[in-house]
Amino acid sequence: MSFFPGTDPKPGDAFACDAIENLIIPRSSDIGGFAVRRALPTARRRLVGPFIFFDRMGPAILKADEALDVKPHPHIGLSTVTYLFDGEIKHRDSLGTELVIRPGDINLMTAGRGIVHSERTPENLRGHPLLMSGLQTWLALPQDKEEIDPVFAHTGREAMPVIDWDGARGRVVIGRLDGLVSPVASFTDTLYVDLSLEAGRRFPFSAEQEERALYILFGELVIAGDRFAADQLLVLRPGDAITLEAGATGCHVMLFGGAALSSKRYIWWNFVSSSKERIEQAKEEWRTGRFDIVPGDEEEFVPLPAG
């Protein structure tokens, strides 16, 4: 949900644990009673693999007279990944897609040369309190794929491989982990895993991916004797397999990462590109109405930010 005007997260200090390269404390913004914590990008860490943007949405309760209404807005040069733990969001885009995403499903919307979409509370849930909680992340596209035609893919939770080991449960959302392979296609080596550990349980996190990180959603995580609290992002040093251990209340984490991009990426508002000139072009296209419209949601739009 890139529309949230979140401020830059704060980089953490160096930690005693040798496995941790960066400790990032997200900055929290309150947007109409909806808490959003932005963990990437930050000045000290722009990307982890292809992940260039990482927002934690909620948990928050939308009151009966409130609703999520994200007006149509554009993207280029990236794939947006929407993954919910609670609540529902109705997605519409300029390809004509219209569907509701529910907890455990994944929406992967690849903007390429340009797409417009909106995200709103479904009509049947308006007028009732609604718990909302989830993640929105962006995957920067490889340079030779930045201008491909836009495409949208929805994968239901039942299609994702299930992790069910001793005290560890979850799903492989994108990529592969210890022989489990997600059906969700990606343009580069990408890992995205939803993992819950019971109190005191351990889980080995291999160094198969070039770059790796994790975000603690709930509970306390122990790595090499150091303890980390919820709503912290830990970037792991490359090449070293580590063991994750849950604290006394258990923990819920998202593991993510993948292959590093081969060239620099620029990010402005909802646009990502290896070219500053391409971002300027996208700004002008949105300003002058040259992006496609969203069928069924043509009346409103998010204006181009000033500056």
Protein backbone atom coordinates (compact mmCIF):
# COMPACT_ATOMS: atom_id res chain seq x y z
CA MET A 1 0.00 0.00 0.00
CA SER A 2 2.42 2.52 -1.27
CA PHE A 3 -0.06 5.34 -0.88
CA PHE A 4 0.76 5.64 2.83
CA PRO A 5 3.06 8.65 3.35
CA GLY A 6 5.31 6.80 5.75
CA THR A 7 8.53 8.36 6.94
CA ASP A 8 11.93 6.74 6.58
CA PRO A 9 12.70 3.98 9.08
CA LYS A 10 15.51 4.33 11.60
CA PRO A 11 18.61 2.15 11.15
CA GLY A 12 19.56 0.28 14.27
CA ASP A 13 22.96 0.28 15.92
CA ALA A 14 25.41 -2.54 15.36
CA PHE A 15 24.34 -5.57 17.35
CA ALA A 16 26.43 -8.06 19.25
CA CYS A 17 25.17 -10.98 17.16
CA ASP A 18 27.62 -11.63 14.32
CA ALA A 19 24.78 -12.98 12.15
CA ILE A 20 23.08 -9.58 11.92
CA GLU A 21 24.28 -7.09 9.30
CA ASN A 22 21.61 -4.43 9.92
CA LEU A 23 18.96 -3.95 12.61
CA ILE A 24 16.21 -1.65 11.34
CA ILE A 25 13.53 -0.11 13.52
CA PRO A 26 10.59 0.90 11.27
CA ARG A 27 9.06 4.32 11.61
CA SER A 28 5.36 4.20 12.35
CA SER A 29 2.75 6.46 10.79
CA ASP A 30 -0.88 6.73 11.86
CA ILE A 31 -3.02 7.15 8.76
CA GLY A 32 -6.62 7.73 9.82
CA GLY A 33 -6.28 5.34 12.74
CA PHE A 34 -4.43 2.75 10.62
CA ALA A 35 -0.88 2.08 11.83
CA VAL A 36 1.74 1.53 9.13
CA ARG A 37 5.39 0.67 9.86
CA ARG A 38 7.86 1.18 7.00
CA ALA A 39 11.00 -0.94 7.24
CA LEU A 40 12.41 -0.52 3.71
CA PRO A 41 13.88 1.48 2.10
CA THR A 42 16.17 3.20 4.59
CA ALA A 43 19.31 5.29 4.12
CA ARG A 44 21.56 2.43 5.25
CA ARG A 45 19.71 -0.34 3.43
CA ARG A 46 17.84 0.19 0.18
CA LEU A 47 17.16 -3.40 -0.88
CA VAL A 48 17.29 -7.00 0.32
CA GLY A 49 17.43 -9.12 -2.81
CA PRO A 50 14.70 -7.63 -5.04
CA PHE A 51 12.72 -6.28 -2.03
CA ILE A 52 12.88 -2.48 -2.25
CA PHE A 53 9.86 -1.66 -0.10
CA PHE A 54 8.47 -3.31 3.04
CA ASP A 55 5.40 -1.99 4.89
CA ARG A 56 3.72 -3.59 7.90
CA MET A 57 0.03 -2.68 7.87
CA GLY A 58 -1.76 -2.73 11.24
CA PRO A 59 -2.95 -4.64 13.13
CA ALA A 60 -5.77 -2.12 13.38
CA ILE A 61 -9.54 -2.13 13.65
CA LEU A 62 -11.46 -0.10 11.11
CA LYS A 63 -14.59 1.17 12.86
CA ALA A 64 -18.05 0.65 11.41
CA ASP A 65 -18.01 4.11 9.84
CA GLU A 66 -14.48 3.68 8.43
CA ALA A 67 -13.21 1.88 5.35
CA LEU A 68 -10.01 1.39 3.42
CA ASP A 69 -10.32 3.51 0.27
CA VAL A 70 -7.11 3.73 -1.70
CA LYS A 71 -7.94 5.64 -4.85
CA PRO A 72 -6.42 4.63 -8.21
CA HIS A 73 -2.68 5.31 -8.33
CA PRO A 74 0.12 4.26 -10.74
CA HIS A 75 3.23 2.07 -10.60
CA ILE A 76 6.15 1.32 -12.93
CA GLY A 77 9.20 -0.95 -12.76
CA LEU A 78 8.13 -3.22 -9.90
CA SER A 79 5.87 -5.99 -8.67
CA THR A 80 3.64 -5.23 -5.69
CA VAL A 81 3.03 -8.10 -3.27
CA THR A 82 -0.03 -7.90 -1.01
CA TYR A 83 -0.29 -10.50 1.77
CA LEU A 84 -2.92 -10.30 4.52
CA PHE A 85 -3.20 -11.85 7.98
CA ASP A 86 -6.61 -10.34 8.77
CA GLY A 87 -9.29 -8.50 6.81
CA GLU A 88 -10.12 -8.29 3.12
CA ILE A 89 -9.21 -5.87 0.31
CA LYS A 90 -10.93 -5.46 -3.04
CA HIS A 91 -8.38 -4.99 -5.81
CA ARG A 92 -9.14 -3.36 -9.15
CA ASP A 93 -6.59 -2.47 -11.82
CA SER A 94 -6.26 -1.03 -15.31
CA LEU A 95 -6.04 -4.54 -16.80
CA GLY A 96 -9.67 -5.04 -15.80
CA THR A 97 -8.86 -7.25 -12.81
CA GLU A 98 -11.39 -7.17 -9.98
CA LEU A 99 -11.15 -9.54 -7.01
CA VAL A 100 -11.01 -9.72 -3.22
CA ILE A 101 -7.81 -10.80 -1.48
CA ARG A 102 -8.24 -12.69 1.79
CA PRO A 103 -5.79 -13.78 4.51
CA GLY A 104 -3.09 -16.15 3.27
CA ASP A 105 -3.67 -15.38 -0.42
CA ILE A 106 -1.14 -13.42 -2.42
CA ASN A 107 -1.69 -10.70 -5.01
CA LEU A 108 1.35 -10.24 -7.25
CA MET A 109 0.84 -7.25 -9.55
CA THR A 110 3.69 -6.61 -11.98
CA ALA A 111 3.61 -3.01 -13.20
CA GLY A 112 6.31 -3.19 -15.87
CA ARG A 113 5.87 -0.17 -18.16
CA GLY A 114 2.86 0.99 -16.14
CA ILE A 115 -0.31 -0.04 -14.31
CA VAL A 116 -2.95 1.69 -12.19
CA HIS A 117 -4.84 0.07 -9.32
CA SER A 118 -7.10 0.79 -6.36
CA GLU A 119 -7.54 -1.02 -3.04
CA ARG A 120 -10.75 -0.68 -1.06
CA THR A 121 -12.83 -2.38 1.63
CA PRO A 122 -15.30 -4.72 -0.11
CA GLU A 123 -18.89 -3.44 -0.24
CA ASN A 124 -20.27 -6.30 1.87
CA LEU A 125 -17.93 -5.47 4.78
CA ARG A 126 -18.64 -1.74 4.94
CA GLY A 127 -20.64 -0.59 7.94
CA HIS A 128 -19.07 -3.18 10.23
CA PRO A 129 -15.87 -3.12 12.33
CA LEU A 130 -13.05 -4.83 10.45
CA LEU A 131 -9.66 -6.02 11.71
CA MET A 132 -6.93 -5.29 9.16
CA SER A 133 -3.41 -6.68 9.29
CA GLY A 134 -0.89 -7.57 6.61
CA LEU A 135 2.18 -6.72 4.57
CA GLN A 136 2.76 -4.81 1.38
CA THR A 137 6.11 -5.27 -0.29
CA TRP A 138 7.60 -4.29 -3.63
CA LEU A 139 9.95 -6.36 -5.77
CA ALA A 140 12.15 -4.28 -8.09
CA LEU A 141 12.19 -5.80 -11.55
CA PRO A 142 15.45 -6.77 -13.29
CA GLN A 143 16.61 -4.08 -15.69
CA ASP A 144 15.64 -6.04 -18.80
CA LYS A 145 12.10 -6.55 -17.44
CA GLU A 146 11.33 -3.00 -16.28
CA GLU A 147 9.30 -2.18 -19.40
CA ILE A 148 7.41 -5.43 -19.89
CA ASP A 149 3.63 -5.43 -20.28
CA PRO A 150 1.82 -5.29 -16.92
CA VAL A 151 0.35 -8.52 -15.54
CA PHE A 152 -1.63 -9.55 -12.45
CA ALA A 153 -1.51 -12.91 -10.67
CA HIS A 154 -3.54 -14.11 -7.68
CA THR A 155 -2.61 -17.29 -5.80
CA GLY A 156 -4.84 -18.75 -3.09
CA ARG A 157 -3.38 -19.92 0.20
CA GLU A 158 -4.34 -23.53 -0.54
CA ALA A 159 -1.82 -23.61 -3.43
CA MET A 160 1.19 -22.67 -1.28
CA PRO A 161 3.44 -25.37 0.21
CA VAL A 162 2.81 -25.84 3.93
CA ILE A 163 5.57 -25.92 6.55
CA ASP A 164 4.56 -28.27 9.36
CA TRP A 165 7.62 -29.38 11.24
CA ASP A 166 8.32 -29.83 14.94
CA GLY A 167 6.87 -26.63 16.42
CA ALA A 168 7.16 -24.73 13.12
CA ARG A 169 4.22 -23.90 10.88
CA GLY A 170 3.76 -21.65 7.90
CA ARG A 171 3.79 -21.32 4.12
CA VAL A 172 6.32 -20.76 1.37
CA VAL A 173 4.70 -17.77 -0.33
CA ILE A 174 7.36 -17.15 -3.03
CA GLY A 175 10.47 -19.17 -3.88
CA ARG A 176 11.80 -22.33 -2.30
CA LEU A 177 12.77 -23.39 1.19
CA ASP A 178 14.19 -26.80 2.15
CA GLY A 179 12.58 -28.58 -0.78
CA LEU A 180 9.24 -26.76 -0.64
CA VAL A 181 8.54 -24.72 -3.79
CA SER A 182 5.85 -22.07 -4.20
CA PRO A 183 3.89 -21.95 -7.48
CA VAL A 184 4.13 -18.13 -7.52
CA ALA A 185 6.35 -17.02 -10.40
CA SER A 186 8.98 -14.30 -9.92
CA PHE A 187 11.47 -12.65 -12.26
CA THR A 188 14.54 -13.16 -10.06
CA ASP A 189 15.56 -15.53 -7.28
CA THR A 190 13.13 -14.50 -4.53
CA LEU A 191 12.24 -15.86 -1.08
CA TYR A 192 9.14 -14.95 0.92
CA VAL A 193 8.08 -17.23 3.80
CA ASP A 194 5.41 -16.90 6.51
CA LEU A 195 6.70 -18.76 9.60
CA SER A 196 5.38 -19.24 13.16
CA LEU A 197 7.38 -20.96 15.91
CA GLU A 198 6.07 -22.30 19.17
CA ALA A 199 7.80 -21.18 22.38
CA GLY A 200 11.36 -22.45 22.58
CA ARG A 201 11.27 -24.12 19.15
CA ARG A 202 14.16 -23.78 16.73
CA PHE A 203 14.23 -23.48 12.96
CA PRO A 204 17.30 -23.60 10.67
CA PHE A 205 17.48 -20.78 8.12
CA SER A 206 19.90 -21.79 5.39
CA ALA A 207 22.12 -19.38 3.44
CA GLU A 208 20.84 -20.55 0.06
CA GLN A 209 19.75 -17.03 -0.94
CA GLU A 210 22.37 -14.37 -1.68
CA GLU A 211 20.64 -11.80 0.56
CA ARG A 212 18.29 -12.58 3.47
CA ALA A 213 16.29 -10.72 6.07
CA LEU A 214 13.39 -11.29 8.42
CA TYR A 215 10.68 -9.15 9.97
CA ILE A 216 9.37 -10.05 13.44
CA LEU A 217 5.58 -9.74 13.43
CA PHE A 218 4.87 -11.06 16.91
CA GLY A 219 6.73 -12.34 19.95
CA GLU A 220 10.44 -12.55 20.65
CA LEU A 221 13.09 -14.09 18.42
CA VAL A 222 16.43 -15.39 19.67
CA ILE A 223 19.50 -15.62 17.42
CA ALA A 224 22.82 -16.80 18.87
CA GLY A 225 21.67 -15.76 22.35
CA ASP A 226 20.58 -12.24 21.36
CA ARG A 227 16.90 -11.39 21.74
CA PHE A 228 14.91 -9.32 19.28
CA ALA A 229 11.43 -7.87 19.79
CA ALA A 230 8.45 -7.53 17.46
CA ASP A 231 8.46 -4.93 14.68
CA GLN A 232 12.17 -5.12 13.98
CA LEU A 233 13.73 -5.99 10.63
CA LEU A 234 16.95 -7.98 10.76
CA VAL A 235 19.19 -8.13 7.70
CA LEU A 236 21.39 -11.23 7.92
CA ARG A 237 24.99 -11.51 6.86
CA PRO A 238 25.40 -13.43 3.58
CA GLY A 239 26.74 -16.95 3.50
CA ASP A 240 26.02 -17.97 7.10
CA ALA A 241 23.29 -20.43 7.99
CA ILE A 242 21.63 -19.48 11.28
CA THR A 243 19.15 -20.96 13.72
CA LEU A 244 15.99 -19.07 14.66
CA GLU A 245 14.61 -19.72 18.14
CA ALA A 246 11.29 -18.53 19.53
CA GLY A 247 11.11 -16.81 22.89
CA ALA A 248 8.75 -17.67 25.73
CA THR A 249 5.61 -16.51 23.90
CA GLY A 250 6.49 -18.00 20.52
CA CYS A 251 7.06 -15.81 17.48
CA HIS A 252 5.73 -15.04 14.02
CA VAL A 253 8.18 -13.87 11.35
CA MET A 254 8.39 -13.24 7.61
CA LEU A 255 11.59 -14.49 5.99
CA PHE A 256 12.54 -12.77 2.74
CA GLY A 257 15.35 -12.05 0.32
CA GLY A 258 16.86 -13.37 -2.88
CA ALA A 259 19.46 -12.48 -5.49
CA ALA A 260 20.91 -8.97 -5.40
CA LEU A 261 20.07 -6.75 -8.36
CA SER A 262 22.88 -6.07 -10.80
CA SER A 263 22.29 -2.30 -11.01
CA LYS A 264 21.08 0.60 -8.87
CA ARG A 265 17.38 1.40 -8.48
CA TYR A 266 15.76 4.79 -7.93
CA ILE A 267 12.46 5.12 -6.12
CA TRP A 268 10.08 8.09 -6.13
CA TRP A 269 6.51 7.80 -4.85
CA ASN A 270 5.10 4.67 -6.55
CA PHE A 271 7.75 4.50 -9.27
CA VAL A 272 10.87 2.32 -9.32
CA SER A 273 13.42 2.37 -12.14
CA SER A 274 17.10 2.03 -12.97
CA SER A 275 16.71 5.38 -14.79
CA LYS A 276 15.96 8.77 -13.24
CA GLU A 277 14.74 9.95 -16.65
CA ARG A 278 12.17 7.12 -16.79
CA ILE A 279 10.79 8.21 -13.41
CA GLU A 280 10.47 11.79 -14.66
CA GLN A 281 8.62 10.47 -17.70
CA ALA A 282 6.22 8.49 -15.50
CA LYS A 283 5.56 11.58 -13.37
CA GLU A 284 4.62 13.57 -16.46
CA GLU A 285 2.44 10.74 -17.80
CA TRP A 286 0.46 10.59 -14.56
CA ARG A 287 0.22 14.36 -14.32
CA THR A 288 -1.20 14.59 -17.86
CA GLY A 289 -3.55 11.60 -17.64
CA ARG A 290 -1.73 9.22 -20.00
CA PHE A 291 -1.93 6.15 -17.78
CA ASP A 292 -4.83 3.74 -18.31
CA ILE A 293 -7.96 4.02 -16.15
CA VAL A 294 -9.29 1.42 -13.69
CA PRO A 295 -12.60 0.01 -14.97
CA GLY A 296 -15.26 0.38 -12.28
CA ASP A 297 -13.19 2.95 -10.37
CA GLU A 298 -12.85 5.82 -12.84
CA GLU A 299 -14.14 8.73 -10.76
CA GLU A 300 -11.25 9.23 -8.32
CA PHE A 301 -7.46 9.15 -8.37
CA VAL A 302 -4.44 10.02 -6.20
CA PRO A 303 -2.81 13.22 -7.49
CA LEU A 304 0.90 13.36 -8.17
CA PRO A 305 2.62 14.53 -4.97
CA ALA A 306 4.20 17.97 -4.98
CA GLY A 307 7.99 18.16 -4.97
